[in-house]
Protein backbone atom coordinates (compact mmCIF):
# COMPACT_ATOMS: atom_id res chain seq x y z
CA UNK A 1 103.14 69.50 42.48
CA UNK A 2 99.89 70.30 44.38
CA UNK A 3 101.26 68.71 47.59
CA UNK A 4 104.10 71.05 47.38
CA UNK A 5 101.78 74.14 47.21
CA UNK A 6 99.72 72.82 49.82
CA UNK A 7 102.64 72.29 52.13
CA UNK A 8 103.70 76.00 51.34
CA UNK A 9 100.43 77.22 51.92
CA UNK A 10 100.42 75.80 55.38
CA UNK A 11 103.75 76.86 56.28
CA UNK A 12 103.20 80.68 55.17
CA UNK A 13 99.93 80.43 57.28
CA UNK A 14 101.97 79.13 60.42
CA UNK A 15 104.46 81.94 59.83
CA UNK A 16 101.93 84.57 59.81
CA UNK A 17 100.39 83.38 62.94
CA UNK A 18 103.82 83.28 64.81
CA UNK A 19 104.69 86.49 63.13
CA UNK A 20 101.33 88.39 64.63
CA UNK A 21 102.00 86.77 67.99
CA UNK A 22 105.58 88.18 68.23
CA UNK A 23 104.17 91.30 67.05
CA UNK A 24 101.86 91.26 69.99
CA UNK A 25 104.71 91.21 72.55
CA UNK A 26 107.13 93.52 70.84
CA UNK A 27 105.65 96.59 72.50
CA UNK A 28 106.07 95.35 75.88
CA UNK A 29 109.74 94.35 74.91
CA UNK A 30 110.37 97.63 73.53
CA UNK A 31 109.62 99.74 76.54
CA UNK A 32 110.84 97.32 79.42
CA UNK A 33 113.57 95.46 77.74
CA UNK A 34 116.88 96.85 78.99
CA UNK A 35 115.38 100.25 80.04
CA UNK A 36 115.71 101.73 83.52
CA UNK A 37 112.55 104.03 83.12
CA UNK A 38 109.38 104.86 81.12
CA UNK A 39 107.07 108.04 80.76
CA UNK A 40 103.77 106.66 79.33
CA UNK A 41 104.64 103.80 76.99
CA UNK A 42 108.12 105.13 76.10
CA UNK A 43 111.07 103.65 77.18
CA UNK A 44 114.45 105.23 78.23
CA UNK A 45 117.71 103.49 78.73
CA UNK A 46 118.56 105.72 81.75
CA UNK A 47 116.74 107.43 84.61
CA UNK A 48 118.62 110.44 83.74
CA UNK A 49 117.48 110.36 80.04
CA UNK A 50 113.96 109.91 81.38
CA UNK A 51 114.30 113.11 83.49
CA UNK A 52 115.80 115.10 80.68
CA UNK A 53 112.89 114.02 78.46
CA UNK A 54 110.08 114.68 80.82
CA UNK A 55 107.79 117.12 80.50
CA UNK A 56 105.73 119.33 83.37
CA UNK A 57 103.52 117.01 85.26
CA UNK A 58 105.06 113.64 83.80
CA UNK A 59 105.40 110.82 85.73
CA UNK A 60 108.68 108.81 85.37
CA UNK A 61 107.86 104.93 86.22
CA UNK A 62 111.12 102.62 87.12
CA UNK A 63 111.29 99.59 85.40
CA UNK A 64 114.03 97.82 87.40
CA UNK A 65 116.56 98.47 90.36
CA UNK A 66 119.42 100.80 89.14
CA UNK A 67 122.76 102.11 90.46
CA UNK A 68 123.93 105.73 89.44
CA UNK A 69 127.14 107.82 90.33
CA UNK A 70 126.51 111.32 90.67
CA UNK A 71 129.08 113.38 88.99
CA UNK A 72 127.56 116.48 88.19
CA UNK A 73 124.75 118.93 89.06
CA UNK A 74 121.96 118.25 87.06
CA UNK A 75 119.14 120.63 88.27
CA UNK A 76 115.54 119.71 87.64
CA UNK A 77 113.25 122.74 86.57
CA UNK A 78 110.19 120.91 86.16
CA UNK A 79 107.17 119.45 88.24
CA UNK A 80 107.67 115.73 87.88
CA UNK A 81 106.87 112.49 89.86
CA UNK A 82 109.44 109.48 89.97
CA UNK A 83 107.72 106.10 90.83
CA UNK A 84 109.33 102.86 91.74
CA UNK A 85 105.95 101.05 91.01
CA UNK A 86 104.53 98.13 92.86
CA UNK A 87 107.78 96.47 93.12
CA UNK A 88 109.23 99.78 94.68
CA UNK A 89 112.34 99.39 92.74
CA UNK A 90 115.52 100.50 94.49
CA UNK A 91 118.03 103.39 93.61
CA UNK A 92 121.43 102.89 94.74
CA UNK A 93 123.80 106.12 94.17
CA UNK A 94 127.10 107.45 95.35
CA UNK A 95 128.71 110.98 94.84
CA UNK A 96 126.63 114.06 95.31
CA UNK A 97 122.98 114.84 96.03
CA UNK A 98 120.84 112.36 94.32
CA UNK A 99 118.33 114.71 93.20
CA UNK A 100 118.42 118.64 92.87
CA UNK A 101 114.84 119.80 92.49
CA UNK A 102 114.28 123.40 91.42
CA UNK A 103 110.61 122.71 91.14
CA UNK A 104 107.84 120.89 92.89
CA UNK A 105 108.50 117.02 93.01
CA UNK A 106 107.24 113.58 94.18
CA UNK A 107 109.06 110.49 94.96
CA UNK A 108 107.09 107.70 95.73
CA UNK A 109 107.22 103.98 96.12
CA UNK A 110 110.97 103.92 96.14
CA UNK A 111 113.68 102.38 98.05
CA UNK A 112 116.82 104.40 98.11
CA UNK A 113 120.46 103.65 99.30
CA UNK A 114 122.46 106.91 98.71
CA UNK A 115 125.44 108.83 100.13
CA UNK A 116 123.43 112.07 99.84
CA UNK A 117 119.62 112.89 99.95
CA UNK A 118 117.95 115.73 97.63
CA UNK A 119 118.49 119.33 97.36
CA UNK A 120 114.89 121.36 97.18
CA UNK A 121 115.85 124.83 95.78
CA UNK A 122 113.22 127.56 95.33
CA UNK A 123 113.76 129.39 92.11
CA UNK A 124 111.58 131.74 90.18
CA UNK A 125 112.43 130.40 86.72
CA UNK A 126 109.06 128.65 86.21
CA UNK A 127 107.14 131.58 87.75
CA UNK A 128 105.78 129.26 90.61
CA UNK A 129 104.24 130.89 93.70
CA UNK A 130 104.83 127.82 95.67
CA UNK A 131 106.90 124.73 95.59
CA UNK A 132 105.93 121.46 97.21
CA UNK A 133 107.94 118.52 97.37
CA UNK A 134 106.67 115.10 98.61
CA UNK A 135 108.09 111.72 99.72
CA UNK A 136 105.32 109.16 99.64
CA UNK A 137 105.90 105.52 100.78
CA UNK A 138 109.68 105.71 100.43
CA UNK A 139 112.49 103.88 102.15
CA UNK A 140 115.79 105.90 102.15
CA UNK A 141 118.96 105.04 103.87
CA UNK A 142 121.38 108.19 103.50
CA UNK A 143 125.07 108.32 104.19
CA UNK A 144 126.89 111.28 105.72
CA UNK A 145 125.06 114.01 104.08
CA UNK A 146 121.58 115.42 104.40
CA UNK A 147 118.38 113.70 103.60
CA UNK A 148 116.85 116.98 102.59
CA UNK A 149 118.76 120.44 102.08
CA UNK A 150 115.70 123.10 101.82
CA UNK A 151 117.52 125.89 100.29
CA UNK A 152 115.60 129.33 99.40
CA UNK A 153 117.39 131.33 96.45
CA UNK A 154 114.41 133.73 95.94
CA UNK A 155 112.42 135.44 98.87
CA UNK A 156 108.74 134.96 98.80
CA UNK A 157 108.32 131.76 97.18
CA UNK A 158 107.23 129.41 100.03
CA UNK A 159 108.26 125.72 100.24
CA UNK A 160 106.81 122.85 101.66
CA UNK A 161 108.22 119.35 102.08
CA UNK A 162 105.79 116.41 102.96
CA UNK A 163 107.30 113.11 104.21
CA UNK A 164 104.33 110.46 104.37
CA UNK A 165 104.26 106.90 104.88
CA UNK A 166 108.00 106.59 104.83
CA UNK A 167 110.88 105.40 106.75
CA UNK A 168 114.18 107.48 106.64
CA UNK A 169 117.36 106.22 108.55
CA UNK A 170 120.85 107.70 108.69
CA UNK A 171 122.87 104.68 110.18
CA UNK A 172 126.22 106.18 110.38
CA UNK A 173 127.80 107.88 113.45
CA UNK A 174 129.01 110.82 111.53
CA UNK A 175 127.52 113.49 109.35
CA UNK A 176 124.70 116.12 108.67
CA UNK A 177 121.32 116.15 110.09
CA UNK A 178 118.55 114.59 108.23
CA UNK A 179 116.78 117.83 107.23
CA UNK A 180 118.20 121.29 107.14
CA UNK A 181 116.76 124.75 106.00
CA UNK A 182 118.85 127.47 104.53
CA UNK A 183 117.52 130.95 103.24
CA UNK A 184 120.74 132.96 102.88
CA UNK A 185 119.28 135.34 99.93
CA UNK A 186 115.69 136.30 101.53
CA UNK A 187 113.17 135.54 104.00
CA UNK A 188 110.79 132.59 103.08
CA UNK A 189 108.20 130.33 104.55
CA UNK A 190 109.08 126.68 105.09
CA UNK A 191 106.57 123.93 106.13
CA UNK A 192 107.80 120.51 106.99
CA UNK A 193 105.17 117.65 107.58
CA UNK A 194 105.91 114.23 108.96
CA UNK A 195 103.21 112.07 108.76
CA UNK A 196 102.83 108.34 109.62
CA UNK A 197 106.47 108.19 109.11
CA UNK A 198 109.84 107.12 111.14
CA UNK A 199 112.80 109.37 110.73
CA UNK A 200 115.92 107.81 112.56
CA UNK A 201 119.28 109.79 113.13
CA UNK A 202 122.03 107.68 114.16
CA UNK A 203 125.20 109.66 115.60
CA UNK A 204 126.92 112.75 115.13
CA UNK A 205 130.57 113.72 115.75
CA UNK A 206 131.94 114.89 118.93
CA UNK A 207 134.91 116.64 117.04
CA UNK A 208 133.03 118.45 114.37
CA UNK A 209 132.69 121.99 114.53
CA UNK A 210 129.59 121.67 112.78
CA UNK A 211 126.96 121.47 115.46
CA UNK A 212 124.36 120.89 112.78
CA UNK A 213 125.58 117.28 112.72
CA UNK A 214 123.98 116.84 116.10
CA UNK A 215 120.58 117.21 115.67
CA UNK A 216 117.57 115.56 113.62
CA UNK A 217 116.43 119.05 112.18
CA UNK A 218 118.80 122.04 111.70
CA UNK A 219 117.11 125.40 111.00
CA UNK A 220 119.46 128.19 109.89
CA UNK A 221 119.04 131.85 109.09
CA UNK A 222 116.12 133.82 107.41
CA UNK A 223 113.49 130.97 107.65
CA UNK A 224 110.07 130.80 109.01
CA UNK A 225 109.77 127.13 109.49
CA UNK A 226 106.45 125.15 110.62
CA UNK A 227 107.27 121.63 111.56
CA UNK A 228 104.03 119.50 111.70
CA UNK A 229 104.65 115.99 113.27
CA UNK A 230 101.61 113.73 113.36
CA UNK A 231 99.91 110.57 112.28
CA UNK A 232 101.91 108.17 114.38
CA UNK A 233 105.30 109.36 113.28
CA UNK A 234 108.50 108.60 115.38
CA UNK A 235 111.63 110.38 115.43
CA UNK A 236 114.63 108.50 116.90
CA UNK A 237 118.16 110.03 117.71
CA UNK A 238 120.83 107.65 119.05
CA UNK A 239 124.12 109.85 119.32
CA UNK A 240 126.11 106.83 119.28
CA UNK A 241 128.70 108.17 121.94
CA UNK A 242 128.22 111.76 121.10
CA UNK A 243 126.91 112.48 124.70
CA UNK A 244 126.32 116.19 125.86
CA UNK A 245 125.51 117.44 122.37
CA UNK A 246 122.01 116.04 121.33
CA UNK A 247 119.08 117.55 120.14
CA UNK A 248 115.90 117.06 118.34
CA UNK A 249 115.72 120.75 116.97
CA UNK A 250 118.71 122.85 116.32
CA UNK A 251 117.92 126.48 115.48
CA UNK A 252 120.71 128.97 114.76
CA UNK A 253 121.14 132.56 113.69
CA UNK A 254 117.53 134.24 113.31
CA UNK A 255 115.44 131.43 111.96
CA UNK A 256 112.05 131.30 113.54
CA UNK A 257 110.53 127.56 113.97
CA UNK A 258 107.25 126.43 115.29
CA UNK A 259 106.90 122.66 116.13
CA UNK A 260 103.27 121.13 116.26
CA UNK A 261 103.34 117.52 117.78
CA UNK A 262 100.32 115.37 118.18
CA UNK A 263 99.49 112.80 120.58
CA UNK A 264 100.23 110.16 118.32
CA UNK A 265 104.17 111.18 117.76
CA UNK A 266 106.98 109.66 119.68
CA UNK A 267 110.25 111.42 120.01
CA UNK A 268 113.27 109.36 121.47
CA UNK A 269 116.67 110.84 122.40
CA UNK A 270 119.07 108.08 123.41
CA UNK A 271 122.25 108.27 125.63
CA UNK A 272 122.00 111.88 125.79
CA UNK A 273 123.87 112.48 128.95
CA UNK A 274 123.66 115.36 131.48
CA UNK A 275 121.71 118.35 130.73
CA UNK A 276 124.14 121.26 129.56
CA UNK A 277 123.12 124.44 127.65
CA UNK A 278 124.23 122.68 124.36
CA UNK A 279 122.50 119.33 125.36
CA UNK A 280 118.92 119.88 125.19
CA UNK A 281 116.18 118.70 123.04
CA UNK A 282 116.13 122.27 121.52
CA UNK A 283 119.14 124.16 121.24
CA UNK A 284 119.26 127.73 119.48
CA UNK A 285 122.16 130.34 119.08
CA UNK A 286 121.81 133.86 117.99
CA UNK A 287 118.18 135.28 117.82
CA UNK A 288 116.78 132.04 116.52
CA UNK A 289 113.62 130.63 118.31
CA UNK A 290 111.85 127.07 118.62
CA UNK A 291 108.36 127.04 119.94
CA UNK A 292 106.77 123.80 120.47
CA UNK A 293 103.10 123.01 120.57
CA UNK A 294 102.91 119.60 122.35
CA UNK A 295 99.49 118.19 121.91
CA UNK A 296 100.40 115.01 124.08
CA UNK A 297 103.50 113.62 122.01
CA UNK A 298 105.73 111.16 123.82
CA UNK A 299 108.89 112.12 124.69
CA UNK A 300 111.43 109.52 125.76
CA UNK A 301 114.67 111.27 126.87
CA UNK A 302 117.44 109.44 127.84
CA UNK A 303 119.23 110.86 131.08
CA UNK A 304 118.19 114.39 132.68
CA UNK A 305 117.45 116.55 129.72
CA UNK A 306 113.70 116.02 129.41
């Protein structure tokens, strides 16, 4: 009888040790197991759920690679960071714009392969006086649509987009420019800085009525834009057969654009064809203007348009 009690006591002790060990690992399992994202120590089944739960200033960390189908316009009215972590987790998305930011934002340490990029709206819902969006250490392959649609809805709220330590590529031979600015409801100041990054625009569509498809940057109406190119950045545009419609910067209507390019920058326009009014590294229509302050950047222009 005493032996039976001793054996039972030993068994209970072993079970208590096991239970303590299991409890010690449960928090990690609860956060990471099966979830796509976390905020602090709280896990969320989907990135969408984490974005909805996030508060102003929160960082959402991805826990694994994920795929999304964008079916609706989910506007993000808070300043958040989405971080792919040390693993640089990948987001694969199809459908509409992957993100629609209506406030400042940061995307960092991410790989993305999407049909659309991001919408960056300015609004006054949160009483901001300035909006700043940042891509930091991002590798983004975007399909037919824009990488960044910078769109002003309210006059007098400046927007800044920073692309740093990143690689952006549009590999297809058809589709929009990489970055476009639209301010149809009021004059706004926009600053775009590309630093230590590579942007590659492959192609355009000779049959398209949208000449904006034939440039890396498309600046459109009611914008005062400053484009800063620096820190060993490289811009590549390969028209892939879209000769005689090749532009680094396209300015339409009344946009006023200033480009500052430092000596470490390289801009390459390939297979561009002969120089024409619509085939030049800067093309503008209406009263739009582009002024380039070239501080020694390397311009590698295929054919005669240099």
